[in-house]
Amino acid sequence: MTTAPTIELRTFTTLDPVRGDLLDVYADVRAPLLHLPNYAVTTFGERLDRHGTEPGFVAVLAYADDEPVGYAYGNTIERGDRYWQRTTPEPAEKYTERPALALKEIGVRPAWRKTGTARRIHDALLATTCDEMHVTLMVNPAAGDGKVHALYRSWGYKNIARSQPSPASPLLIVMVRAIR
């Protein structure tokens, strides 16, 4: 890993001020996949708008020279949330008995990868939590030829289930780890 140049991390609890930045970074991060319906910018925008209205929405964006270079966002989920309802097998009660942070998206522009920026954004997002004991995410095991899944494992996440959030979505691995 190379050392990241100076970045500024900014935290937002509403979507409006950063929606454009999130869409711009997403389009760059997912450029090779944008032709697939589940990864299209319009599809992401629809998911983002829905996620932005869910309880506990929080986004952390990294800026370099006032330009967005990466992001992570999520929201609080509780037992019975559709996130958990789509998870097979049903997660252990220790993950659902208290609210959890669902990390919905994380992405870093290609030029900023392998600089530690993703981890800094991730850790800043987790630092915003109050009552949540666990963080969960879904990952496409094929992303980066398996490197993304391996990266999350190196951050302490473990596989607990599978999920297919929509018919256009690939089968994803649901991962979880303790926040503190």
Protein backbone atom coordinates (compact mmCIF):
# COMPACT_ATOMS: atom_id res chain seq x y z
CA MET A 1 0.00 0.00 0.00
CA THR A 2 1.24 3.46 -0.83
CA THR A 3 0.67 6.35 1.53
CA ALA A 4 -2.42 8.40 0.85
CA PRO A 5 -1.94 12.04 0.01
CA THR A 6 -3.74 14.45 2.28
CA ILE A 7 -7.49 13.97 2.30
CA GLU A 8 -10.25 15.62 4.26
CA LEU A 9 -13.02 13.38 5.60
CA ARG A 10 -16.47 14.98 5.80
CA THR A 11 -19.49 13.42 7.48
CA PHE A 12 -23.08 14.04 6.35
CA THR A 13 -26.36 12.91 7.90
CA THR A 14 -28.52 14.07 5.01
CA LEU A 15 -28.21 13.15 1.36
CA ASP A 16 -28.99 16.44 -0.39
CA PRO A 17 -25.63 18.21 0.12
CA VAL A 18 -23.60 15.28 -1.27
CA ARG A 19 -25.86 13.44 -3.69
CA GLY A 20 -24.02 14.83 -6.75
CA ASP A 21 -20.60 13.97 -5.33
CA LEU A 22 -21.74 10.43 -4.51
CA LEU A 23 -23.07 9.91 -8.05
CA ASP A 24 -19.86 11.28 -9.61
CA VAL A 25 -17.56 9.08 -7.56
CA TYR A 26 -19.82 6.04 -8.03
CA ALA A 27 -19.72 6.48 -11.84
CA ASP A 28 -15.93 6.51 -11.76
CA VAL A 29 -15.64 3.59 -9.30
CA ARG A 30 -18.08 1.37 -11.18
CA ALA A 31 -17.20 2.50 -14.72
CA PRO A 32 -16.48 -1.02 -16.04
CA LEU A 33 -19.89 -2.25 -14.80
CA LEU A 34 -22.18 0.66 -15.70
CA HIS A 35 -23.59 -1.22 -18.71
CA LEU A 36 -25.16 -3.80 -16.34
CA PRO A 37 -28.67 -2.87 -15.13
CA ASN A 38 -27.88 -3.33 -11.41
CA TYR A 39 -24.82 -1.04 -11.66
CA ALA A 40 -26.25 1.72 -13.89
CA VAL A 41 -25.90 5.21 -12.41
CA THR A 42 -29.69 5.67 -12.57
CA THR A 43 -30.22 2.44 -10.64
CA PHE A 44 -27.65 3.49 -8.06
CA GLY A 45 -29.33 6.90 -7.81
CA GLU A 46 -32.67 5.24 -7.04
CA ARG A 47 -31.05 3.07 -4.33
CA LEU A 48 -29.20 6.07 -2.95
CA ASP A 49 -32.41 8.11 -2.72
CA ARG A 50 -34.12 5.28 -0.84
CA HIS A 51 -31.15 4.74 1.47
CA GLY A 52 -30.94 8.48 2.15
CA THR A 53 -34.41 8.40 3.73
CA GLU A 54 -33.78 5.37 5.93
CA PRO A 55 -33.14 5.70 9.68
CA GLY A 56 -29.64 6.65 10.75
CA PHE A 57 -28.38 7.57 7.28
CA VAL A 58 -24.75 8.71 7.39
CA ALA A 59 -22.18 9.26 4.67
CA VAL A 60 -18.46 9.91 4.88
CA LEU A 61 -16.75 11.37 1.84
CA ALA A 62 -13.05 11.88 1.30
CA TYR A 63 -11.98 15.04 -0.49
CA ALA A 64 -8.59 15.98 -1.94
CA ASP A 65 -8.26 19.60 -2.98
CA ASP A 66 -12.05 19.88 -2.59
CA GLU A 67 -12.67 17.08 -5.12
CA PRO A 68 -14.44 13.90 -3.90
CA VAL A 69 -12.21 10.83 -4.16
CA GLY A 70 -14.14 8.24 -2.17
CA TYR A 71 -17.16 7.55 -0.03
CA ALA A 72 -18.95 5.16 2.26
CA TYR A 73 -22.49 5.38 3.47
CA GLY A 74 -24.93 3.34 5.47
CA ASN A 75 -27.80 3.42 7.85
CA THR A 76 -29.12 1.78 10.99
CA ILE A 77 -31.04 -1.47 10.60
CA GLU A 78 -33.01 -3.39 13.19
CA ARG A 79 -34.43 -6.87 13.49
CA GLY A 80 -37.12 -7.28 10.84
CA ASP A 81 -35.49 -4.81 8.45
CA ARG A 82 -35.74 -5.89 4.80
CA TYR A 83 -31.94 -6.13 4.81
CA TRP A 84 -32.14 -9.03 7.27
CA GLN A 85 -35.29 -10.48 5.66
CA ARG A 86 -33.37 -11.06 2.40
CA THR A 87 -30.53 -12.81 4.22
CA THR A 88 -30.25 -16.61 3.97
CA PRO A 89 -29.81 -18.29 6.34
CA GLU A 90 -31.38 -16.01 8.92
CA PRO A 91 -28.58 -14.31 10.86
CA ALA A 92 -27.80 -15.29 14.43
CA GLU A 93 -29.70 -13.32 17.06
CA LYS A 94 -26.49 -11.71 18.35
CA TYR A 95 -26.39 -9.71 15.09
CA THR A 96 -30.05 -8.64 15.14
CA GLU A 97 -30.91 -8.24 18.83
CA ARG A 98 -29.66 -4.63 18.72
CA PRO A 99 -29.53 -2.15 15.88
CA ALA A 100 -26.64 -2.63 13.45
CA LEU A 101 -24.97 -0.37 10.93
CA ALA A 102 -25.54 -1.55 7.36
CA LEU A 103 -22.67 -0.34 5.20
CA LYS A 104 -24.54 0.07 1.92
CA GLU A 105 -21.75 1.32 -0.35
CA ILE A 106 -18.06 2.08 -0.24
CA GLY A 107 -15.98 3.19 -3.17
CA VAL A 108 -12.70 4.92 -3.97
CA ARG A 109 -11.73 6.36 -7.33
CA PRO A 110 -9.16 4.15 -9.11
CA ALA A 111 -6.30 6.64 -8.66
CA TRP A 112 -6.85 6.53 -4.87
CA ARG A 113 -6.94 2.76 -4.45
CA LYS A 114 -4.21 1.05 -2.43
CA THR A 115 -3.54 4.29 -0.53
CA GLY A 116 -5.44 3.45 2.68
CA THR A 117 -8.22 5.86 1.72
CA ALA A 118 -10.96 3.20 1.74
CA ARG A 119 -9.99 2.05 5.23
CA ARG A 120 -9.90 5.62 6.54
CA ILE A 121 -13.37 6.30 5.13
CA HIS A 122 -14.66 3.00 6.51
CA ASP A 123 -13.28 3.65 9.99
CA ALA A 124 -14.66 7.20 10.01
CA LEU A 125 -18.10 5.84 9.12
CA LEU A 126 -17.94 3.31 11.97
CA ALA A 127 -16.87 6.09 14.36
CA THR A 128 -20.23 7.82 13.78
CA THR A 129 -22.16 5.01 15.45
CA CYS A 130 -23.63 5.26 18.93
CA ASP A 131 -25.68 2.20 19.90
CA GLU A 132 -24.80 -0.20 17.10
CA MET A 133 -22.66 -3.16 18.13
CA HIS A 134 -22.12 -4.65 14.66
CA VAL A 135 -21.61 -3.50 11.12
CA THR A 136 -22.76 -5.57 8.17
CA LEU A 137 -22.20 -5.33 4.45
CA MET A 138 -22.88 -7.29 1.29
CA VAL A 139 -20.13 -8.05 -1.18
CA ASN A 140 -20.06 -9.58 -4.63
CA PRO A 141 -17.51 -12.39 -4.23
CA ALA A 142 -16.41 -11.82 -7.85
CA ALA A 143 -15.59 -8.12 -7.30
CA GLY A 144 -11.97 -7.47 -8.12
CA ASP A 145 -11.49 -11.18 -8.78
CA GLY A 146 -12.17 -11.83 -5.08
CA LYS A 147 -9.84 -9.12 -3.81
CA VAL A 148 -12.65 -6.99 -2.38
CA HIS A 149 -14.01 -9.91 -0.37
CA ALA A 150 -10.50 -10.68 0.89
CA LEU A 151 -10.00 -7.04 1.84
CA TYR A 152 -13.14 -7.07 4.00
CA ARG A 153 -11.97 -10.27 5.67
CA SER A 154 -8.67 -8.54 6.45
CA TRP A 155 -10.70 -5.75 8.11
CA GLY A 156 -12.28 -8.30 10.46
CA TYR A 157 -15.50 -9.12 8.62
CA LYS A 158 -16.73 -12.70 8.46
CA ASN A 159 -19.22 -14.39 6.15
CA ILE A 160 -22.59 -15.12 7.77
CA ALA A 161 -25.07 -15.56 4.91
CA ARG A 162 -26.06 -14.80 1.32
CA SER A 163 -28.46 -12.30 -0.20
CA GLN A 164 -29.82 -11.30 -3.58
CA PRO A 165 -31.35 -7.86 -2.98
CA SER A 166 -32.98 -7.66 -6.42
CA PRO A 167 -33.44 -9.93 -9.44
CA ALA A 168 -30.77 -7.93 -11.32
CA SER A 169 -28.29 -8.22 -8.45
CA PRO A 170 -25.65 -10.90 -8.30
CA LEU A 171 -25.73 -13.29 -5.35
CA LEU A 172 -23.91 -11.46 -2.57
CA ILE A 173 -22.13 -12.59 0.57
CA VAL A 174 -23.38 -10.99 3.78
CA MET A 175 -20.52 -10.17 6.12
CA VAL A 176 -20.45 -8.81 9.67
CA ARG A 177 -17.99 -7.65 12.32
CA ALA A 178 -18.08 -5.96 15.68
CA ILE A 179 -17.79 -2.17 15.54
CA ARG A 180 -15.72 -1.85 18.71
